[in-house]
Amino acid sequence: MTQQWRAAGLQMIHLELAGYDTPSHRDRVIERLQGSITSIGMSHSEFVQLVPEGKNLEQDMCDLGDRFELKRVCVHADHWAASATKGDAEEELLALMMGCLIAGTRARHGVPANPQGIDARATFTEPPLPLLAKRGSWSIISCASPHLEHPAATVGLGDSFTGGCLLMLGKPAERTTITGIRHGTPVKAG
């Protein structure tokens, strides 16, 4: 299926980790998808399980991306979100902020809802990484996320975060189809 997506022009194929019965099951999924996926995301607790010897989040994200030949590694937590990307750093920051907004909205309402702004009760904590840093071919981006001490619900917050990120990053590559219709980034007028 991922090969069909790539052949159709999809530039990003994202794997969002979840809970697995055993680490070997998780590792087998990643191994089988290596070369097909371009992006991986997970909660900070899942990241720590995947990289238990890690001591430097920034370097560990880049190393994980290199190990699995990815273009993007995303980690999200209650108070922050971060990505290592080989893509556009500004676009990635917008994706992280959108993911945080969508997850914060779900935390406020307890269900998916249309964001109208950030809940006034939300607090922000400095993320563990700088807003933007470079490590070789990688850009590391982070942002604080709106955190509610007493959310209406916590189920689905990670999924909502991922959905918000992919909403920003999932636009198709610019191309012209056989019909002559252009898809992707609009062309600016004269």
N, C-alpha and C. Protein backbone atom coordinates (compact mmCIF):
# COMPACT_ATOMS: atom_id res chain seq x y z
N MET A 1 0.83 -1.18 0.00
CA MET A 1 0.00 0.00 0.00
C MET A 1 0.88 1.26 0.00
N THR A 2 1.94 1.28 0.81
CA THR A 2 2.79 2.46 0.86
C THR A 2 3.48 2.69 -0.49
N GLN A 3 3.82 1.62 -1.19
CA GLN A 3 4.43 1.77 -2.51
C GLN A 3 3.44 2.40 -3.49
N GLN A 4 2.17 2.05 -3.38
CA GLN A 4 1.15 2.66 -4.24
C GLN A 4 1.01 4.14 -3.91
N TRP A 5 1.05 4.48 -2.63
CA TRP A 5 0.96 5.89 -2.24
C TRP A 5 2.13 6.68 -2.82
N ARG A 6 3.34 6.11 -2.71
CA ARG A 6 4.52 6.80 -3.24
C ARG A 6 4.41 6.95 -4.75
N ALA A 7 3.97 5.90 -5.43
CA ALA A 7 3.82 5.95 -6.89
C ALA A 7 2.78 7.00 -7.30
N ALA A 8 1.80 7.24 -6.45
CA ALA A 8 0.76 8.24 -6.74
C ALA A 8 1.24 9.66 -6.43
N GLY A 9 2.46 9.79 -5.90
CA GLY A 9 3.01 11.12 -5.66
C GLY A 9 2.94 11.61 -4.23
N LEU A 10 2.47 10.78 -3.31
CA LEU A 10 2.41 11.19 -1.91
C LEU A 10 3.82 11.33 -1.38
N GLN A 11 4.17 12.51 -0.91
CA GLN A 11 5.53 12.80 -0.48
C GLN A 11 5.80 12.35 0.96
N MET A 12 4.78 12.40 1.80
CA MET A 12 4.97 12.02 3.20
C MET A 12 4.12 10.80 3.52
N ILE A 13 4.77 9.79 4.06
CA ILE A 13 4.05 8.62 4.56
C ILE A 13 4.46 8.47 6.02
N HIS A 14 3.51 8.73 6.90
CA HIS A 14 3.76 8.85 8.33
C HIS A 14 3.31 7.59 9.07
N LEU A 15 4.14 7.14 9.99
CA LEU A 15 3.78 6.06 10.91
C LEU A 15 3.71 6.66 12.30
N GLU A 16 2.55 6.60 12.91
CA GLU A 16 2.40 7.05 14.29
C GLU A 16 2.44 5.81 15.18
N LEU A 17 3.46 5.75 16.03
CA LEU A 17 3.58 4.60 16.91
C LEU A 17 2.45 4.58 17.92
N ALA A 18 2.23 3.46 18.48
CA ALA A 18 1.19 3.29 19.50
C ALA A 18 1.70 2.24 20.48
N GLY A 19 0.84 1.79 21.34
CA GLY A 19 1.23 0.74 22.27
C GLY A 19 1.31 -0.60 21.56
N TYR A 20 2.33 -1.35 21.85
CA TYR A 20 2.51 -2.69 21.28
C TYR A 20 2.62 -3.68 22.44
N ASP A 21 2.22 -4.92 22.19
CA ASP A 21 2.29 -5.95 23.23
C ASP A 21 3.72 -6.14 23.72
N THR A 22 4.67 -6.10 22.80
CA THR A 22 6.08 -6.28 23.16
C THR A 22 6.92 -5.33 22.31
N PRO A 23 8.09 -4.97 22.80
CA PRO A 23 8.98 -4.15 21.98
C PRO A 23 9.34 -4.82 20.65
N SER A 24 9.41 -6.14 20.63
CA SER A 24 9.76 -6.82 19.37
C SER A 24 8.66 -6.64 18.33
N HIS A 25 7.39 -6.57 18.75
CA HIS A 25 6.30 -6.31 17.79
C HIS A 25 6.46 -4.91 17.19
N ARG A 26 6.72 -3.93 18.05
CA ARG A 26 6.94 -2.56 17.57
C ARG A 26 8.11 -2.51 16.59
N ASP A 27 9.21 -3.13 16.98
CA ASP A 27 10.41 -3.10 16.15
C ASP A 27 10.19 -3.79 14.81
N ARG A 28 9.38 -4.85 14.80
CA ARG A 28 9.09 -5.57 13.56
C ARG A 28 8.26 -4.69 12.61
N VAL A 29 7.31 -3.94 13.17
CA VAL A 29 6.51 -3.03 12.34
C VAL A 29 7.41 -1.98 11.70
N ILE A 30 8.27 -1.37 12.50
CA ILE A 30 9.17 -0.34 11.97
C ILE A 30 10.11 -0.93 10.93
N GLU A 31 10.66 -2.09 11.23
CA GLU A 31 11.60 -2.74 10.30
C GLU A 31 10.94 -3.04 8.96
N ARG A 32 9.71 -3.54 9.00
CA ARG A 32 9.01 -3.90 7.76
C ARG A 32 8.62 -2.67 6.94
N LEU A 33 8.44 -1.53 7.61
CA LEU A 33 8.04 -0.32 6.89
C LEU A 33 9.23 0.56 6.52
N GLN A 34 10.42 0.19 7.00
CA GLN A 34 11.60 0.98 6.68
C GLN A 34 11.79 1.04 5.17
N GLY A 35 12.04 2.24 4.68
CA GLY A 35 12.17 2.44 3.24
C GLY A 35 10.85 2.86 2.59
N SER A 36 9.74 2.57 3.25
CA SER A 36 8.42 2.97 2.74
C SER A 36 7.92 4.23 3.42
N ILE A 37 8.16 4.34 4.73
CA ILE A 37 7.71 5.51 5.46
C ILE A 37 8.77 6.60 5.38
N THR A 38 8.33 7.85 5.48
CA THR A 38 9.25 8.98 5.47
C THR A 38 9.22 9.73 6.79
N SER A 39 8.23 9.42 7.64
CA SER A 39 8.02 10.16 8.87
C SER A 39 7.53 9.20 9.95
N ILE A 40 7.97 9.46 11.18
CA ILE A 40 7.50 8.67 12.31
C ILE A 40 7.19 9.62 13.46
N GLY A 41 6.16 9.30 14.21
CA GLY A 41 5.77 10.13 15.35
C GLY A 41 5.40 9.26 16.53
N MET A 42 5.53 9.85 17.72
CA MET A 42 5.23 9.09 18.93
C MET A 42 5.17 10.03 20.12
N SER A 43 4.57 9.53 21.20
CA SER A 43 4.59 10.26 22.45
C SER A 43 5.99 10.19 23.03
N HIS A 44 6.28 11.07 23.97
CA HIS A 44 7.60 11.05 24.60
C HIS A 44 7.83 9.73 25.32
N SER A 45 6.81 9.18 25.95
CA SER A 45 6.97 7.90 26.65
C SER A 45 7.28 6.78 25.66
N GLU A 46 6.68 6.81 24.47
CA GLU A 46 7.00 5.82 23.44
C GLU A 46 8.42 6.01 22.91
N PHE A 47 8.84 7.27 22.80
CA PHE A 47 10.20 7.57 22.34
C PHE A 47 11.24 7.01 23.32
N VAL A 48 10.99 7.22 24.61
CA VAL A 48 11.92 6.73 25.64
C VAL A 48 12.01 5.20 25.60
N GLN A 49 10.92 4.53 25.28
CA GLN A 49 10.95 3.07 25.15
C GLN A 49 11.74 2.65 23.90
N LEU A 50 11.64 3.44 22.84
CA LEU A 50 12.32 3.13 21.59
C LEU A 50 13.81 3.44 21.66
N VAL A 51 14.16 4.49 22.41
CA VAL A 51 15.55 4.91 22.56
C VAL A 51 15.87 4.98 24.06
N PRO A 52 15.89 3.83 24.74
CA PRO A 52 16.03 3.85 26.21
C PRO A 52 17.37 4.38 26.70
N GLU A 53 18.41 4.25 25.90
CA GLU A 53 19.73 4.71 26.33
C GLU A 53 19.93 6.20 26.04
N GLY A 54 18.93 6.85 25.47
CA GLY A 54 19.05 8.24 25.05
C GLY A 54 19.36 9.19 26.19
N LYS A 55 20.20 10.15 25.86
CA LYS A 55 20.57 11.16 26.85
C LYS A 55 20.36 12.57 26.31
N ASN A 56 20.20 12.69 24.99
CA ASN A 56 20.08 13.98 24.36
C ASN A 56 18.94 13.89 23.35
N LEU A 57 17.78 14.42 23.70
CA LEU A 57 16.58 14.30 22.87
C LEU A 57 16.84 14.78 21.45
N GLU A 58 17.48 15.92 21.31
CA GLU A 58 17.75 16.50 19.99
C GLU A 58 18.58 15.54 19.13
N GLN A 59 19.68 15.06 19.67
CA GLN A 59 20.56 14.16 18.91
C GLN A 59 19.89 12.81 18.69
N ASP A 60 19.17 12.32 19.71
CA ASP A 60 18.51 11.02 19.60
C ASP A 60 17.44 11.01 18.51
N MET A 61 16.72 12.12 18.35
CA MET A 61 15.72 12.21 17.28
C MET A 61 16.40 12.14 15.91
N CYS A 62 17.49 12.87 15.75
CA CYS A 62 18.23 12.86 14.48
C CYS A 62 18.81 11.47 14.21
N ASP A 63 19.39 10.86 15.24
CA ASP A 63 19.97 9.52 15.07
C ASP A 63 18.90 8.50 14.68
N LEU A 64 17.72 8.61 15.29
CA LEU A 64 16.63 7.70 14.96
C LEU A 64 16.21 7.89 13.50
N GLY A 65 16.11 9.15 13.08
CA GLY A 65 15.77 9.43 11.69
C GLY A 65 16.80 8.87 10.72
N ASP A 66 18.08 9.02 11.06
CA ASP A 66 19.14 8.48 10.21
C ASP A 66 19.08 6.95 10.18
N ARG A 67 18.87 6.35 11.34
CA ARG A 67 18.84 4.89 11.43
C ARG A 67 17.75 4.28 10.57
N PHE A 68 16.58 4.93 10.54
CA PHE A 68 15.45 4.41 9.76
C PHE A 68 15.28 5.10 8.41
N GLU A 69 16.24 5.93 8.02
CA GLU A 69 16.24 6.61 6.72
C GLU A 69 14.97 7.44 6.52
N LEU A 70 14.65 8.25 7.53
CA LEU A 70 13.45 9.07 7.52
C LEU A 70 13.78 10.52 7.19
N LYS A 71 12.74 11.28 6.89
CA LYS A 71 12.89 12.72 6.68
C LYS A 71 12.33 13.51 7.85
N ARG A 72 11.63 12.80 8.77
CA ARG A 72 10.97 13.50 9.88
C ARG A 72 10.78 12.55 11.05
N VAL A 73 11.09 13.06 12.26
CA VAL A 73 10.83 12.35 13.52
C VAL A 73 10.12 13.35 14.43
N CYS A 74 8.95 12.98 14.93
CA CYS A 74 8.16 13.88 15.76
C CYS A 74 7.89 13.23 17.11
N VAL A 75 8.06 14.01 18.17
CA VAL A 75 7.79 13.53 19.53
C VAL A 75 6.89 14.56 20.20
N HIS A 76 5.83 14.08 20.85
CA HIS A 76 4.91 14.99 21.54
C HIS A 76 4.73 14.57 22.99
N ALA A 77 4.53 15.56 23.84
CA ALA A 77 4.34 15.32 25.27
C ALA A 77 3.21 16.23 25.76
N ASP A 78 2.92 16.17 27.03
CA ASP A 78 1.83 16.98 27.57
C ASP A 78 2.09 18.48 27.42
N HIS A 79 3.33 18.91 27.58
CA HIS A 79 3.65 20.33 27.63
C HIS A 79 4.39 20.86 26.40
N TRP A 80 4.79 19.98 25.49
CA TRP A 80 5.60 20.41 24.35
C TRP A 80 5.50 19.42 23.20
N ALA A 81 5.99 19.86 22.06
CA ALA A 81 6.10 19.00 20.87
C ALA A 81 7.39 19.38 20.17
N ALA A 82 8.02 18.40 19.53
CA ALA A 82 9.29 18.65 18.84
C ALA A 82 9.41 17.75 17.62
N SER A 83 10.13 18.22 16.63
CA SER A 83 10.40 17.44 15.43
C SER A 83 11.83 17.66 14.99
N ALA A 84 12.38 16.63 14.41
CA ALA A 84 13.62 16.73 13.64
C ALA A 84 13.18 16.50 12.21
N THR A 85 13.54 17.41 11.32
CA THR A 85 13.08 17.30 9.94
C THR A 85 14.18 17.66 8.96
N LYS A 86 14.12 17.05 7.81
CA LYS A 86 14.98 17.43 6.70
C LYS A 86 14.21 18.31 5.74
N GLY A 87 12.97 18.62 6.09
CA GLY A 87 12.12 19.47 5.27
C GLY A 87 12.18 20.92 5.72
N ASP A 88 11.16 21.65 5.39
CA ASP A 88 11.05 23.08 5.66
C ASP A 88 10.78 23.30 7.16
N ALA A 89 11.69 23.97 7.85
CA ALA A 89 11.57 24.17 9.30
C ALA A 89 10.37 25.05 9.65
N GLU A 90 10.08 26.06 8.84
CA GLU A 90 8.94 26.93 9.12
C GLU A 90 7.63 26.16 8.97
N GLU A 91 7.54 25.34 7.94
CA GLU A 91 6.34 24.53 7.73
C GLU A 91 6.17 23.54 8.89
N GLU A 92 7.28 22.98 9.36
CA GLU A 92 7.23 22.05 10.49
C GLU A 92 6.76 22.74 11.76
N LEU A 93 7.22 23.97 12.01
CA LEU A 93 6.77 24.70 13.19
C LEU A 93 5.27 24.94 13.11
N LEU A 94 4.77 25.32 11.94
CA LEU A 94 3.32 25.50 11.77
C LEU A 94 2.57 24.19 12.04
N ALA A 95 3.15 23.07 11.58
CA ALA A 95 2.52 21.77 11.81
C ALA A 95 2.47 21.45 13.30
N LEU A 96 3.56 21.67 14.01
CA LEU A 96 3.58 21.41 15.45
C LEU A 96 2.55 22.28 16.18
N MET A 97 2.49 23.55 15.80
CA MET A 97 1.53 24.44 16.46
C MET A 97 0.09 24.04 16.15
N MET A 98 -0.18 23.62 14.91
CA MET A 98 -1.53 23.17 14.56
C MET A 98 -1.87 21.90 15.35
N GLY A 99 -0.92 20.97 15.44
CA GLY A 99 -1.15 19.76 16.22
C GLY A 99 -1.47 20.08 17.67
N CYS A 100 -0.71 21.00 18.25
CA CYS A 100 -0.95 21.40 19.64
C CYS A 100 -2.31 22.07 19.80
N LEU A 101 -2.69 22.92 18.85
CA LEU A 101 -3.99 23.59 18.90
C LEU A 101 -5.13 22.57 18.84
N ILE A 102 -5.05 21.62 17.91
CA ILE A 102 -6.12 20.62 17.77
C ILE A 102 -6.20 19.74 19.03
N ALA A 103 -5.04 19.32 19.54
CA ALA A 103 -5.04 18.51 20.77
C ALA A 103 -5.55 19.31 21.96
N GLY A 104 -5.15 20.57 22.06
CA GLY A 104 -5.62 21.42 23.16
C GLY A 104 -7.13 21.64 23.10
N THR A 105 -7.65 21.77 21.89
CA THR A 105 -9.10 21.93 21.73
C THR A 105 -9.83 20.66 22.17
N ARG A 106 -9.28 19.51 21.79
CA ARG A 106 -9.90 18.25 22.22
C ARG A 106 -9.82 18.09 23.74
N ALA A 107 -8.72 18.49 24.34
CA ALA A 107 -8.58 18.41 25.81
C ALA A 107 -9.63 19.28 26.49
N ARG A 108 -9.90 20.44 25.92
CA ARG A 108 -10.89 21.35 26.50
C ARG A 108 -12.30 20.78 26.42
N HIS A 109 -12.64 20.21 25.25
CA HIS A 109 -14.01 19.76 25.03
C HIS A 109 -14.22 18.28 25.33
N GLY A 110 -13.16 17.52 25.37
CA GLY A 110 -13.29 16.08 25.61
C GLY A 110 -13.58 15.28 24.37
N VAL A 111 -13.82 15.94 23.26
CA VAL A 111 -14.10 15.31 21.97
C VAL A 111 -13.49 16.20 20.88
N PRO A 112 -13.32 15.68 19.67
CA PRO A 112 -12.84 16.55 18.59
C PRO A 112 -13.79 17.73 18.41
N ALA A 113 -13.22 18.92 18.24
CA ALA A 113 -14.03 20.13 18.10
C ALA A 113 -13.27 21.12 17.22
N ASN A 114 -14.01 22.07 16.67
CA ASN A 114 -13.43 23.11 15.85
C ASN A 114 -12.71 24.13 16.74
N PRO A 115 -11.41 24.34 16.55
CA PRO A 115 -10.69 25.29 17.40
C PRO A 115 -11.20 26.72 17.22
N GLN A 116 -11.47 27.37 18.33
CA GLN A 116 -11.87 28.78 18.31
C GLN A 116 -10.82 29.65 18.99
N GLY A 117 -9.77 29.04 19.49
CA GLY A 117 -8.71 29.73 20.20
C GLY A 117 -8.18 28.82 21.29
N ILE A 118 -7.24 29.32 22.04
CA ILE A 118 -6.63 28.53 23.11
C ILE A 118 -7.39 28.80 24.41
N ASP A 119 -7.71 27.75 25.13
CA ASP A 119 -8.42 27.85 26.41
C ASP A 119 -7.66 28.80 27.34
N ALA A 120 -8.37 29.72 27.97
CA ALA A 120 -7.75 30.70 28.87
C ALA A 120 -7.09 30.03 30.07
N ARG A 121 -7.51 28.82 30.40
CA ARG A 121 -6.92 28.11 31.55
C ARG A 121 -5.62 27.41 31.19
N ALA A 122 -5.27 27.37 29.92
CA ALA A 122 -4.08 26.65 29.47
C ALA A 122 -2.81 27.32 30.00
N THR A 123 -1.85 26.48 30.35
CA THR A 123 -0.53 26.97 30.75
C THR A 123 0.49 26.51 29.72
N PHE A 124 1.59 27.23 29.65
CA PHE A 124 2.65 26.90 28.72
C PHE A 124 3.96 26.77 29.48
N THR A 125 4.71 25.75 29.13
CA THR A 125 6.01 25.48 29.75
C THR A 125 7.07 25.50 28.66
N GLU A 126 8.23 26.00 29.00
CA GLU A 126 9.34 26.03 28.04
C GLU A 126 9.65 24.61 27.58
N PRO A 127 9.70 24.35 26.26
CA PRO A 127 10.03 23.01 25.78
C PRO A 127 11.50 22.66 26.09
N PRO A 128 11.84 21.38 26.08
CA PRO A 128 13.19 20.96 26.43
C PRO A 128 14.23 21.22 25.33
N LEU A 129 13.78 21.69 24.18
CA LEU A 129 14.66 21.97 23.05
C LEU A 129 14.48 23.42 22.63
N PRO A 130 15.47 23.98 21.93
CA PRO A 130 15.29 25.34 21.42
C PRO A 130 14.21 25.38 20.34
N LEU A 131 13.69 26.57 20.09
CA LEU A 131 12.66 26.74 19.06
C LEU A 131 13.16 26.21 17.72
N LEU A 132 14.41 26.49 17.38
CA LEU A 132 14.98 26.02 16.12
C LEU A 132 16.48 25.82 16.31
N ALA A 133 16.95 24.67 15.88
CA ALA A 133 18.38 24.36 15.93
C ALA A 133 18.72 23.54 14.69
N LYS A 134 19.99 23.52 14.33
CA LYS A 134 20.45 22.71 13.19
C LYS A 134 21.45 21.68 13.69
N ARG A 135 21.35 20.47 13.14
CA ARG A 135 22.32 19.40 13.38
C ARG A 135 22.56 18.73 12.04
N GLY A 136 23.61 19.13 11.36
CA GLY A 136 23.88 18.58 10.04
C GLY A 136 22.74 18.89 9.10
N SER A 137 22.18 17.86 8.47
CA SER A 137 21.08 18.05 7.52
C SER A 137 19.72 18.16 8.20
N TRP A 138 19.69 18.04 9.52
CA TRP A 138 18.44 18.08 10.28
C TRP A 138 18.18 19.47 10.85
N SER A 139 16.91 19.87 10.83
CA SER A 139 16.44 21.03 11.59
C SER A 139 15.63 20.48 12.75
N ILE A 140 15.86 21.00 13.94
CA ILE A 140 15.11 20.58 15.12
C ILE A 140 14.22 21.75 15.51
N ILE A 141 12.94 21.47 15.62
CA ILE A 141 11.94 22.49 15.90
C ILE A 141 11.16 22.06 17.13
N SER A 142 10.81 23.00 18.00
CA SER A 142 9.97 22.65 19.13
C SER A 142 9.04 23.81 19.46
N CYS A 143 7.99 23.49 20.18
CA CYS A 143 7.08 24.53 20.66
C CYS A 143 6.39 24.03 21.93
N ALA A 144 5.95 24.98 22.70
CA ALA A 144 5.16 24.65 23.89
C ALA A 144 3.75 24.32 23.43
N SER A 145 3.08 23.45 24.17
CA SER A 145 1.69 23.15 23.84
C SER A 145 0.80 23.61 24.98
N PRO A 146 -0.44 24.02 24.65
CA PRO A 146 -1.34 24.44 25.72
C PRO A 146 -1.71 23.25 26.59
N HIS A 147 -1.44 23.36 27.88
CA HIS A 147 -1.69 22.25 28.80
C HIS A 147 -2.78 22.64 29.78
N LEU A 148 -3.78 21.77 29.89
CA LEU A 148 -4.85 21.97 30.86
C LEU A 148 -4.62 21.04 32.05
N GLU A 149 -4.61 21.61 33.22
CA GLU A 149 -4.42 20.81 34.43
C GLU A 149 -5.55 19.79 34.59
N HIS A 150 -6.75 20.19 34.21
CA HIS A 150 -7.92 19.29 34.32
C HIS A 150 -8.66 19.24 32.98
N PRO A 151 -8.14 18.46 32.03
CA PRO A 151 -8.81 18.37 30.73
C PRO A 151 -10.15 17.64 30.84
N ALA A 152 -11.04 17.93 29.91
CA ALA A 152 -12.33 17.23 29.89
C ALA A 152 -12.12 15.74 29.62
N ALA A 153 -11.09 15.41 28.87
CA ALA A 153 -10.72 14.01 28.59
C ALA A 153 -9.31 14.01 28.02
N THR A 154 -8.65 12.87 28.14
CA THR A 154 -7.30 12.74 27.57
C THR A 154 -7.25 11.72 26.44
N VAL A 155 -8.30 10.93 26.29
CA VAL A 155 -8.32 9.93 25.23
C VAL A 155 -8.29 10.63 23.87
N GLY A 156 -7.38 10.21 23.02
CA GLY A 156 -7.32 10.74 21.66
C GLY A 156 -6.50 12.00 21.48
N LEU A 157 -5.85 12.50 22.54
CA LEU A 157 -5.09 13.74 22.38
C LEU A 157 -3.90 13.55 21.45
N GLY A 158 -3.20 12.43 21.56
CA GLY A 158 -2.08 12.16 20.66
C GLY A 158 -2.53 12.04 19.22
N ASP A 159 -3.67 11.37 19.01
CA ASP A 159 -4.21 11.24 17.65
C ASP A 159 -4.62 12.61 17.10
N SER A 160 -5.19 13.44 17.97
CA SER A 160 -5.58 14.79 17.53
C SER A 160 -4.36 15.61 17.19
N PHE A 161 -3.30 15.50 17.99
CA PHE A 161 -2.05 16.19 17.68
C PHE A 161 -1.52 15.76 16.32
N THR A 162 -1.47 14.45 16.09
CA THR A 162 -0.96 13.92 14.82
C THR A 162 -1.81 14.40 13.65
N GLY A 163 -3.11 14.37 13.82
CA GLY A 163 -4.01 14.84 12.77
C GLY A 163 -3.77 16.30 12.43
N GLY A 164 -3.55 17.12 13.44
CA GLY A 164 -3.26 18.54 13.20
C GLY A 164 -1.96 18.74 12.44
N CYS A 165 -0.93 17.99 12.83
CA CYS A 165 0.35 18.08 12.11
C CYS A 165 0.19 17.67 10.66
N LEU A 166 -0.45 16.54 10.44
CA LEU A 166 -0.59 16.02 9.07
C LEU A 166 -1.49 16.91 8.22
N LEU A 167 -2.42 17.61 8.87
CA LEU A 167 -3.25 18.57 8.15
C LEU A 167 -2.36 19.62 7.49
N MET A 168 -1.33 20.06 8.20
CA MET A 168 -0.41 21.07 7.66
C MET A 168 0.61 20.48 6.70
N LEU A 169 1.07 19.27 6.99
CA LEU A 169 2.15 18.68 6.20
C LEU A 169 1.68 17.82 5.04
N GLY A 170 0.40 17.48 5.01
CA GLY A 170 -0.10 16.51 4.04
C GLY A 170 -0.50 17.04 2.70
N LYS A 171 -0.14 18.26 2.40
CA LYS A 171 -0.53 18.78 1.09
C LYS A 171 0.27 18.06 0.01
N PRO A 172 -0.33 17.83 -1.12
CA PRO A 172 0.36 17.08 -2.18
C PRO A 172 1.47 17.91 -2.81
N ALA A 173 2.41 17.22 -3.39
CA ALA A 173 3.49 17.89 -4.11
C ALA A 173 2.91 18.60 -5.33
N GLU A 174 3.54 19.68 -5.70
CA GLU A 174 3.09 20.40 -6.90
C GLU A 174 3.39 19.55 -8.12
N ARG A 175 2.36 19.34 -8.94
CA ARG A 175 2.57 18.57 -10.16
C ARG A 175 1.42 18.85 -11.12
N THR A 176 1.64 18.52 -12.36
CA THR A 176 0.60 18.65 -13.38
C THR A 176 0.20 17.24 -13.80
N THR A 177 -1.08 16.96 -13.75
CA THR A 177 -1.57 15.63 -14.12
C THR A 177 -1.71 15.55 -15.64
N ILE A 178 -2.04 14.36 -16.11
CA ILE A 178 -2.21 14.17 -17.56
C ILE A 178 -3.36 15.00 -18.10
N THR A 179 -4.25 15.47 -17.24
CA THR A 179 -5.35 16.31 -17.69
C THR A 179 -4.92 17.76 -17.85
N GLY A 180 -3.69 18.07 -17.39
CA GLY A 180 -3.22 19.45 -17.46
C GLY A 180 -3.59 20.27 -16.25
N ILE A 181 -4.30 19.67 -15.30
CA ILE A 181 -4.69 20.39 -14.08
C ILE A 181 -3.53 20.35 -13.09
N ARG A 182 -3.17 21.52 -12.57
CA ARG A 182 -2.08 21.60 -11.60
C ARG A 182 -2.60 21.26 -10.21
N HIS A 183 -1.82 20.48 -9.46
CA HIS A 183 -2.16 20.12 -8.09
C HIS A 183 -1.04 20.60 -7.19
N GLY A 184 -1.35 20.91 -5.95
CA GLY A 184 -0.32 21.30 -5.00
C GLY A 184 -0.25 22.80 -4.84
N THR A 185 0.95 23.31 -4.68
CA THR A 185 1.17 24.71 -4.40
C THR A 185 0.65 25.58 -5.54
N PRO A 186 -0.23 26.56 -5.21
CA PRO A 186 -0.75 27.41 -6.27
C PRO A 186 0.36 28.27 -6.88
N VAL A 187 0.23 28.53 -8.14
CA VAL A 187 1.20 29.38 -8.85
C VAL A 187 0.81 30.83 -8.60
N LYS A 188 1.81 31.66 -8.24
CA LYS A 188 1.55 33.08 -7.96
C LYS A 188 1.36 33.82 -9.28
N ALA A 189 0.40 34.72 -9.29
CA ALA A 189 0.12 35.52 -10.48
C ALA A 189 1.22 36.54 -10.69
N GLY A 190 1.55 36.77 -11.97
CA GLY A 190 2.52 37.66 -12.49
C GLY A 190 3.19 38.58 -11.60
